[in-house]
Protein backbone atom coordinates (compact mmCIF):
# COMPACT_ATOMS: atom_id res chain seq x y z
CA MET A 1 41.49 4.39 -2.71
CA SER A 2 39.17 4.12 0.51
CA PHE A 3 35.64 2.51 0.15
CA SER A 4 32.75 0.72 1.82
CA PHE A 5 30.68 -1.98 0.43
CA TYR A 6 27.50 -4.04 2.06
CA MET A 7 25.25 -5.98 0.00
CA PRO A 8 23.68 -8.95 2.02
CA VAL A 9 21.15 -9.60 -0.59
CA LYS A 10 21.48 -13.19 -2.22
CA ILE A 11 20.61 -12.66 -5.90
CA MET A 12 19.99 -15.75 -8.26
CA GLY A 13 19.03 -14.61 -11.98
CA GLY A 14 18.13 -15.91 -15.16
CA LYS A 15 15.11 -17.42 -17.36
CA GLY A 16 13.45 -19.80 -15.47
CA VAL A 17 15.11 -19.08 -12.06
CA ILE A 18 12.13 -19.88 -9.61
CA SER A 19 11.35 -23.79 -11.03
CA LYS A 20 15.05 -24.07 -11.21
CA HIS A 21 15.47 -23.31 -7.36
CA GLY A 22 12.62 -23.65 -5.83
CA GLU A 23 14.12 -25.43 -3.39
CA GLU A 24 15.26 -22.11 -1.95
CA PHE A 25 12.06 -21.12 -0.23
CA LYS A 26 12.59 -24.13 1.98
CA ARG A 27 15.65 -22.38 3.81
CA TYR A 28 13.14 -19.65 5.38
CA GLY A 29 10.68 -21.98 7.17
CA GLY A 30 7.29 -23.89 6.32
CA LYS A 31 5.03 -21.43 5.88
CA CYS A 32 5.29 -17.79 4.08
CA LEU A 33 2.66 -15.18 3.08
CA ILE A 34 2.99 -13.71 -0.56
CA ILE A 35 2.33 -10.11 -0.64
CA PHE A 36 1.35 -8.92 -4.43
CA THR A 37 -0.20 -5.63 -5.69
CA GLY A 38 -2.87 -5.74 -8.21
CA ALA A 39 -3.21 -8.44 -11.12
CA SER A 40 0.01 -7.97 -12.83
CA ALA A 41 1.69 -10.98 -10.21
CA LYS A 42 -0.86 -13.21 -12.08
CA LEU A 43 -0.50 -11.92 -15.76
CA CYS A 44 3.18 -12.06 -15.64
CA GLY A 45 3.40 -15.60 -14.32
CA ALA A 46 5.04 -14.98 -11.42
CA LEU A 47 2.50 -15.90 -8.74
CA GLY A 48 1.75 -19.03 -10.25
CA ASP A 49 5.52 -19.71 -10.58
CA VAL A 50 6.34 -19.28 -7.02
CA CYS A 51 3.00 -21.12 -5.80
CA SER A 52 4.31 -24.35 -7.89
CA ALA A 53 7.59 -23.85 -6.64
CA LEU A 54 6.16 -23.62 -3.06
CA LYS A 55 3.67 -26.46 -3.24
CA GLU A 56 6.62 -28.86 -5.13
CA ASN A 57 8.97 -28.27 -2.00
CA GLY A 58 6.16 -28.61 0.71
CA THR A 59 6.11 -25.09 1.79
CA GLU A 60 2.54 -23.91 2.84
CA PHE A 61 1.29 -20.37 1.74
CA GLU A 62 -1.32 -17.93 2.27
CA THR A 63 -1.55 -14.83 -0.43
CA TYR A 64 -2.18 -11.06 0.58
CA ASP A 65 -2.93 -8.22 -2.12
CA LYS A 66 -4.52 -5.51 0.01
CA ILE A 67 -1.79 -3.43 -0.74
CA SER A 68 -1.89 -0.15 -2.92
CA VAL A 69 0.23 1.31 -5.42
CA ASN A 70 2.72 3.88 -3.37
CA PRO A 71 1.78 1.60 -0.31
CA LYS A 72 0.44 3.06 2.75
CA ALA A 73 2.19 2.16 6.00
CA GLN A 74 -0.98 1.21 7.64
CA GLU A 75 -1.50 -1.07 4.79
CA CYS A 76 1.80 -2.76 5.34
CA TYR A 77 0.94 -2.81 9.35
CA GLU A 78 -2.18 -4.57 8.59
CA ALA A 79 -0.36 -7.11 6.19
CA GLY A 80 2.62 -7.61 9.20
CA ARG A 81 -0.40 -8.54 11.31
CA TYR A 82 -1.90 -11.30 9.30
CA ALA A 83 1.27 -12.78 8.62
CA ARG A 84 1.67 -13.00 12.06
CA SER A 85 -1.42 -14.05 12.83
CA CYS A 86 -1.40 -16.77 10.12
CA GLY A 87 2.04 -18.21 11.21
CA ALA A 88 4.03 -16.96 8.28
CA ASP A 89 7.95 -18.04 8.91
CA PHE A 90 8.47 -15.61 6.07
CA ILE A 91 7.67 -13.45 3.34
CA VAL A 92 7.43 -13.56 -0.45
CA GLY A 93 6.82 -10.21 -2.05
CA ILE A 94 5.70 -9.96 -5.67
CA GLY A 95 5.92 -7.18 -8.09
CA GLY A 96 7.06 -3.57 -8.79
CA GLY A 97 8.32 -1.63 -6.32
CA SER A 98 5.00 -0.66 -4.47
CA ALA A 99 4.70 -4.96 -3.61
CA LEU A 100 8.63 -4.95 -2.90
CA ASP A 101 8.86 -2.27 -0.61
CA ALA A 102 5.58 -3.56 1.00
CA ALA A 103 6.79 -7.17 1.71
CA LYS A 104 10.06 -5.92 3.62
CA ALA A 105 7.87 -3.19 5.68
CA ALA A 106 5.39 -5.85 6.49
CA ALA A 107 8.65 -8.43 7.40
CA VAL A 108 9.32 -5.62 9.93
CA TYR A 109 5.89 -5.29 11.63
CA ALA A 110 5.31 -9.11 11.80
CA ALA A 111 8.44 -9.32 13.65
CA ASN A 112 7.80 -6.56 15.80
CA GLU A 113 4.30 -6.96 17.75
CA ASN A 114 4.39 -3.80 19.51
CA LEU A 115 5.24 -1.62 16.72
CA SER A 116 2.33 0.75 15.78
CA ALA A 117 1.99 1.88 12.05
CA GLU A 118 3.80 4.94 12.38
CA GLY A 119 6.03 3.90 14.87
CA ILE A 120 8.13 2.32 11.99
CA TYR A 121 9.90 6.00 11.71
CA SER A 122 10.63 6.50 15.18
CA HIS A 123 11.62 3.42 16.58
CA THR A 124 14.83 1.17 15.68
CA VAL A 125 13.77 -2.27 15.15
CA SER A 126 16.14 -5.56 15.65
CA SER A 127 14.23 -8.01 13.63
CA ALA A 128 12.44 -8.71 10.74
CA LEU A 129 10.95 -11.95 9.08
CA PRO A 130 12.99 -13.48 5.95
CA VAL A 131 12.04 -11.75 2.87
CA VAL A 132 12.22 -13.51 -1.12
CA LEU A 133 11.44 -10.72 -3.82
CA VAL A 134 10.47 -11.41 -7.05
CA GLY A 135 10.62 -8.25 -9.31
CA THR A 136 8.41 -8.00 -11.97
CA THR A 137 8.93 -4.59 -13.56
CA ALA A 138 12.61 -2.91 -14.61
CA GLY A 139 13.19 0.07 -12.74
CA THR A 140 13.03 0.41 -9.09
CA GLY A 141 16.05 -1.76 -7.62
CA SER A 142 14.13 -2.43 -4.73
CA GLU A 143 14.80 -5.97 -4.73
CA VAL A 144 18.80 -4.87 -3.59
CA THR A 145 18.07 -2.25 -1.24
CA GLY A 146 17.34 -1.95 2.49
CA VAL A 147 14.80 0.95 1.76
CA SER A 148 11.09 0.60 2.09
CA VAL A 149 8.98 3.87 0.63
CA LEU A 150 6.02 3.83 2.42
CA THR A 151 3.04 6.75 2.60
CA ARG A 152 2.40 8.10 5.99
CA GLU A 153 -1.25 8.79 7.42
CA ASN A 154 -0.38 12.81 6.61
CA GLY A 155 -0.02 11.39 2.53
CA LYS A 156 3.44 12.04 2.28
CA LYS A 157 5.95 9.57 0.87
CA LYS A 158 9.05 8.65 3.70
CA SER A 159 11.42 6.03 3.70
CA VAL A 160 12.47 3.65 6.44
CA SER A 161 16.01 1.85 6.11
CA GLY A 162 18.42 -0.34 7.97
CA GLU A 163 19.67 -3.91 7.74
CA ASN A 164 16.11 -5.53 8.66
CA TYR A 165 15.01 -4.00 5.24
CA TYR A 166 17.16 -6.08 3.03
CA ALA A 167 15.83 -9.36 1.48
CA LYS A 168 17.43 -12.58 2.34
CA LEU A 169 17.01 -13.69 -1.56
CA VAL A 170 15.96 -12.04 -4.85
CA LEU A 171 14.80 -14.42 -7.66
CA ALA A 172 15.61 -11.96 -10.73
CA ASP A 173 13.78 -13.38 -13.94
CA PRO A 174 13.24 -10.56 -16.75
CA LEU A 175 10.80 -12.76 -18.10
CA TYR A 176 8.02 -11.11 -15.84
CA THR A 177 8.78 -7.70 -17.31
CA TYR A 178 7.75 -8.90 -20.81
CA CYS A 179 4.05 -7.92 -20.38
CA VAL A 180 4.40 -4.33 -18.70
CA PRO A 181 2.68 -1.63 -20.88
CA TYR A 182 4.66 0.84 -22.36
CA ASP A 183 3.98 3.83 -20.09
CA VAL A 184 5.10 1.51 -17.02
CA THR A 185 8.10 0.49 -18.86
CA VAL A 186 8.92 3.75 -19.81
CA SER A 187 8.32 5.12 -16.45
CA THR A 188 10.17 2.74 -14.77
CA ALA A 189 13.21 2.32 -16.92
CA ILE A 190 13.72 6.43 -16.11
CA ASP A 191 13.66 5.89 -12.62
CA ALA A 192 16.46 3.12 -12.95
CA PHE A 193 18.22 5.74 -14.78
CA SER A 194 18.12 8.53 -12.37
CA HIS A 195 18.95 6.17 -9.56
CA ALA A 196 22.14 5.38 -11.64
CA VAL A 197 22.44 8.98 -12.54
CA GLU A 198 21.94 10.42 -8.98
CA SER A 199 24.14 7.77 -7.28
CA LEU A 200 27.09 8.65 -10.37
CA PHE A 201 26.84 12.36 -8.98
CA SER A 202 26.38 12.01 -5.44
CA ASN A 203 28.54 13.53 -2.82
CA ARG A 204 28.76 10.13 -1.02
CA ALA A 205 29.88 8.46 -4.40
CA GLU A 206 33.15 5.90 -4.09
CA PHE A 207 34.55 3.33 -6.59
CA ASN A 208 31.94 0.60 -5.94
CA SER A 209 28.91 2.96 -6.35
CA LYS A 210 30.33 4.36 -9.71
CA SER A 211 30.76 0.77 -11.08
CA TYR A 212 27.57 -0.19 -10.71
CA ALA A 213 26.02 3.09 -11.80
CA ASN A 214 28.25 3.23 -14.84
CA LYS A 215 27.38 -0.33 -15.67
CA ALA A 216 23.65 0.63 -15.48
CA ILE A 217 23.44 4.11 -17.13
CA LYS A 218 24.65 3.68 -20.97
CA PRO A 219 22.49 0.48 -21.44
CA LEU A 220 19.24 2.42 -19.77
CA TRP A 221 20.20 5.48 -21.89
CA GLU A 222 19.99 3.17 -25.06
CA CYS A 223 16.55 1.98 -24.29
CA ILE A 224 15.18 5.42 -23.27
CA ARG A 225 16.51 6.84 -26.83
CA PHE A 226 14.88 3.65 -28.39
CA PHE A 227 11.67 4.89 -26.66
CA TYR A 228 12.36 8.44 -27.58
CA THR A 229 12.44 7.53 -31.35
CA ASN A 230 10.09 4.79 -31.72
CA ARG A 231 7.22 5.42 -28.87
CA ALA A 232 6.92 1.32 -28.68
CA VAL A 233 7.52 -1.33 -26.73
CA PRO A 234 11.17 -2.74 -26.36
CA THR A 235 12.42 -5.87 -27.44
CA ASP A 236 12.91 -9.36 -25.41
CA LYS A 237 16.07 -8.73 -25.54
CA MET A 238 16.11 -4.92 -24.49
CA ARG A 239 13.45 -6.16 -21.80
CA ASP A 240 16.54 -8.24 -20.07
CA THR A 241 18.40 -5.42 -20.33
CA LEU A 242 16.25 -2.99 -18.58
CA TYR A 243 15.65 -5.48 -15.92
CA TYR A 244 19.33 -6.20 -15.18
CA SER A 245 20.31 -2.77 -15.55
CA SER A 246 18.08 -1.93 -12.81
CA LEU A 247 19.41 -4.18 -10.71
CA TYR A 248 22.80 -2.69 -10.83
CA ALA A 249 21.36 0.85 -10.47
CA GLY A 250 19.69 -0.59 -7.31
CA MET A 251 23.11 -1.54 -5.76
CA ALA A 252 24.44 1.63 -6.66
CA LEU A 253 21.77 3.65 -4.99
CA ASN A 254 21.98 1.14 -2.29
CA LEU A 255 25.27 2.41 -1.37
CA THR A 256 24.79 6.42 -1.69
CA GLY A 257 21.47 6.96 -1.41
CA THR A 258 19.45 9.43 -3.66
CA CYS A 259 19.54 13.35 -4.71
CA PHE A 260 17.19 16.19 -4.59
CA PRO A 261 15.15 14.65 -7.87
CA HIS A 262 13.66 11.85 -5.77
CA THR A 263 12.83 14.30 -2.69
CA MET A 264 11.13 16.49 -5.06
CA GLY A 265 9.64 14.12 -7.26
CA TYR A 266 7.56 12.60 -4.32
CA THR A 267 5.67 15.72 -4.62
CA LEU A 268 4.25 15.04 -7.88
CA THR A 269 3.43 11.61 -7.12
CA GLU A 270 1.74 12.57 -3.84
CA ASP A 271 -0.44 15.40 -4.92
CA TYR A 272 -0.71 14.85 -8.89
CA SER A 273 -0.66 11.34 -9.33
CA PHE A 274 2.52 11.34 -11.23
CA PRO A 275 4.04 7.90 -11.99
CA HIS A 276 7.36 8.17 -9.55
CA GLY A 277 9.73 7.71 -12.51
CA PHE A 278 8.61 10.31 -14.43
CA ALA A 279 8.59 12.36 -11.44
CA CYS A 280 11.95 11.93 -10.77
CA ALA A 281 12.82 12.47 -14.40
CA VAL A 282 11.32 16.07 -14.11
CA PHE A 283 14.10 17.22 -12.17
CA LEU A 284 16.85 15.33 -13.83
CA PRO A 285 17.79 17.82 -16.35
CA ALA A 286 18.58 20.47 -13.58
CA PHE A 287 20.54 17.82 -11.65
CA VAL A 288 22.80 17.24 -14.54
CA LYS A 289 23.36 21.11 -15.19
CA ARG A 290 24.04 21.24 -11.45
CA ALA A 291 26.63 18.64 -11.82
CA MET A 292 28.53 20.38 -14.71
CA GLU A 293 28.62 23.24 -12.57
CA PHE A 294 30.13 21.17 -9.47
CA LYS A 295 31.64 18.04 -10.90
CA ASN A 296 32.34 19.11 -14.57
CA GLU A 297 34.50 16.38 -15.39
CA LEU A 298 32.67 13.66 -14.15
CA ALA A 299 29.43 15.38 -15.79
CA VAL A 300 31.54 15.86 -19.10
CA LYS A 301 32.31 12.09 -19.34
CA PHE A 302 29.09 11.25 -18.41
CA LEU A 303 27.62 12.96 -21.32
CA SER A 304 30.10 11.86 -23.77
CA ASP A 305 29.40 8.01 -22.54
CA ILE A 306 25.70 8.50 -23.41
CA GLY A 307 26.29 10.47 -26.61
CA ALA A 308 24.41 13.19 -26.03
CA SER A 309 24.92 17.02 -25.23
CA LEU A 310 23.09 18.62 -22.46
CA PRO A 311 20.42 20.39 -24.48
CA GLU A 312 19.72 17.03 -26.33
CA PHE A 313 19.60 15.06 -22.96
CA GLU A 314 17.14 17.69 -21.44
CA HIS A 315 14.84 17.67 -24.99
CA ILE A 316 14.74 13.69 -24.86
CA ILE A 317 13.75 13.54 -21.37
CA PHE A 318 10.90 16.29 -21.57
CA SER A 319 9.86 14.52 -24.59
CA LEU A 320 8.87 11.57 -22.64
CA VAL A 321 7.93 13.02 -19.72
CA ASN A 322 4.64 15.48 -20.07
CA THR A 323 4.46 18.24 -17.24
CA GLU A 324 1.86 20.19 -19.45
CA ASN A 325 -0.90 19.85 -16.96
CA ILE A 326 1.25 20.21 -13.86
CA SER A 327 0.86 24.10 -12.41
CA MET A 328 1.40 25.74 -9.04
CA THR A 329 1.22 29.03 -7.20
CA LYS A 330 4.17 30.34 -5.66
CA GLU A 331 2.03 29.86 -2.49
CA GLN A 332 1.89 26.29 -3.08
CA ILE A 333 5.37 26.15 -4.02
CA SER A 334 6.44 28.13 -0.75
CA ALA A 335 4.25 25.12 1.28
CA TYR A 336 6.49 22.41 -0.14
CA CYS A 337 9.78 24.25 0.49
CA ASN A 338 8.48 24.64 4.13
CA GLY A 339 8.79 20.81 4.39
CA TRP A 340 12.44 20.32 2.46
CA HIS A 341 14.49 21.73 5.56
CA ASN A 342 17.57 19.65 6.52
CA ILE A 343 16.78 16.93 3.87
CA LYS A 344 19.79 14.40 3.51
CA ASN A 345 18.88 13.98 -0.08
CA PHE A 346 19.62 17.91 -0.80
CA GLU A 347 23.02 17.48 0.85
CA ASN A 348 24.12 14.63 -0.99
CA THR A 349 23.64 16.73 -4.15
CA PRO A 350 26.55 18.19 -5.98
CA GLY A 351 27.33 21.33 -4.34
CA GLY A 352 24.68 21.02 -1.82
CA PHE A 353 21.20 22.11 -2.56
CA SER A 354 19.02 24.59 -0.68
CA VAL A 355 15.54 25.16 -0.09
CA THR A 356 16.05 28.76 -1.74
CA ASP A 357 17.32 26.47 -4.88
CA ALA A 358 14.60 24.22 -4.87
CA GLN A 359 11.89 27.12 -4.84
CA ALA A 360 13.68 28.80 -7.45
CA LEU A 361 13.62 25.26 -9.63
CA MET A 362 9.72 24.57 -8.72
CA THR A 363 9.02 28.02 -9.95
CA GLU A 364 11.01 28.05 -13.20
CA LEU A 365 9.16 24.45 -13.83
CA PHE A 366 5.78 25.10 -12.44
CA CYS A 367 4.57 28.31 -12.07
CA LYS A 368 3.23 29.18 -15.32
CA ASN A 369 0.15 31.26 -14.45
CA GLU A 370 1.68 33.88 -12.61
CA ALA A 371 4.27 36.85 -13.77
């Protein structure tokens, strides 16, 4: 058996973890910049807990909330400049994937003064400020990956990755997810599920990635079934399950990367304002069908583990993900496909995945008004 495993992130988890381990912040310096998005960091209590812990341990801090959902590279560049100008020794990111990805990117910009906003895509960086992450949604797994997904000047999402994009510390408390609204809860749960499923069938999958993926898949699917049946927010116990499972899915994803559902899903987020988790899920049934063709034994086991047939799996996913308002012309689809040559996520897909395959799938799903 051969495998490779790299997970440099220290994870401390449990309810009340910040108040119990606030002294951890002191390891990274005497001043930090707290990056968060919107009001959720305040409403869930995470921002207040972080600020209290910093004060109790004599750490100065400033807050920064000028980051959008689906963070722009330029916004993270400005956050990095601000961190540098205020003398921050480290960065704390609080929130869902947008805030966490932004914190990781801002830490790179802060430590590389000559790096331009777009330069982060073309230059190898050798340093970053230390980052502490506090997640408030159960989905992205950004806490445990060395990846930051940013939106470029052209409006397209593109990831940056490497050793300098890992957090030093994750403080994982599922309590912060308890007030997340239903739609966001479902979307982020499906995002985590997509991470685990794509990783499981990835051409780069190995022992460790499969172990983490399998640890996440069944609990996440049970929650997804609950959403399908009840159309209601989950219980507190289910919230805990969702959050910890999202971390396991993130660990699997960190080892393999994603496959075609994520690349194609970005299009729906960029041009149709479709939530990221739902955008990935649109392509998940087709992905599992492909796994049935090229990794049949593993796919049969996957369906057995979640207790669903392939048609039932497809029905449940599409019942939660409404694509009725998404319609594309053949010309639009061709334009999208022209940007999908030499995509690593396509190569990572079972059997490989070509631009021709992508065009056929997009036409099947979204070309509703043309013969």
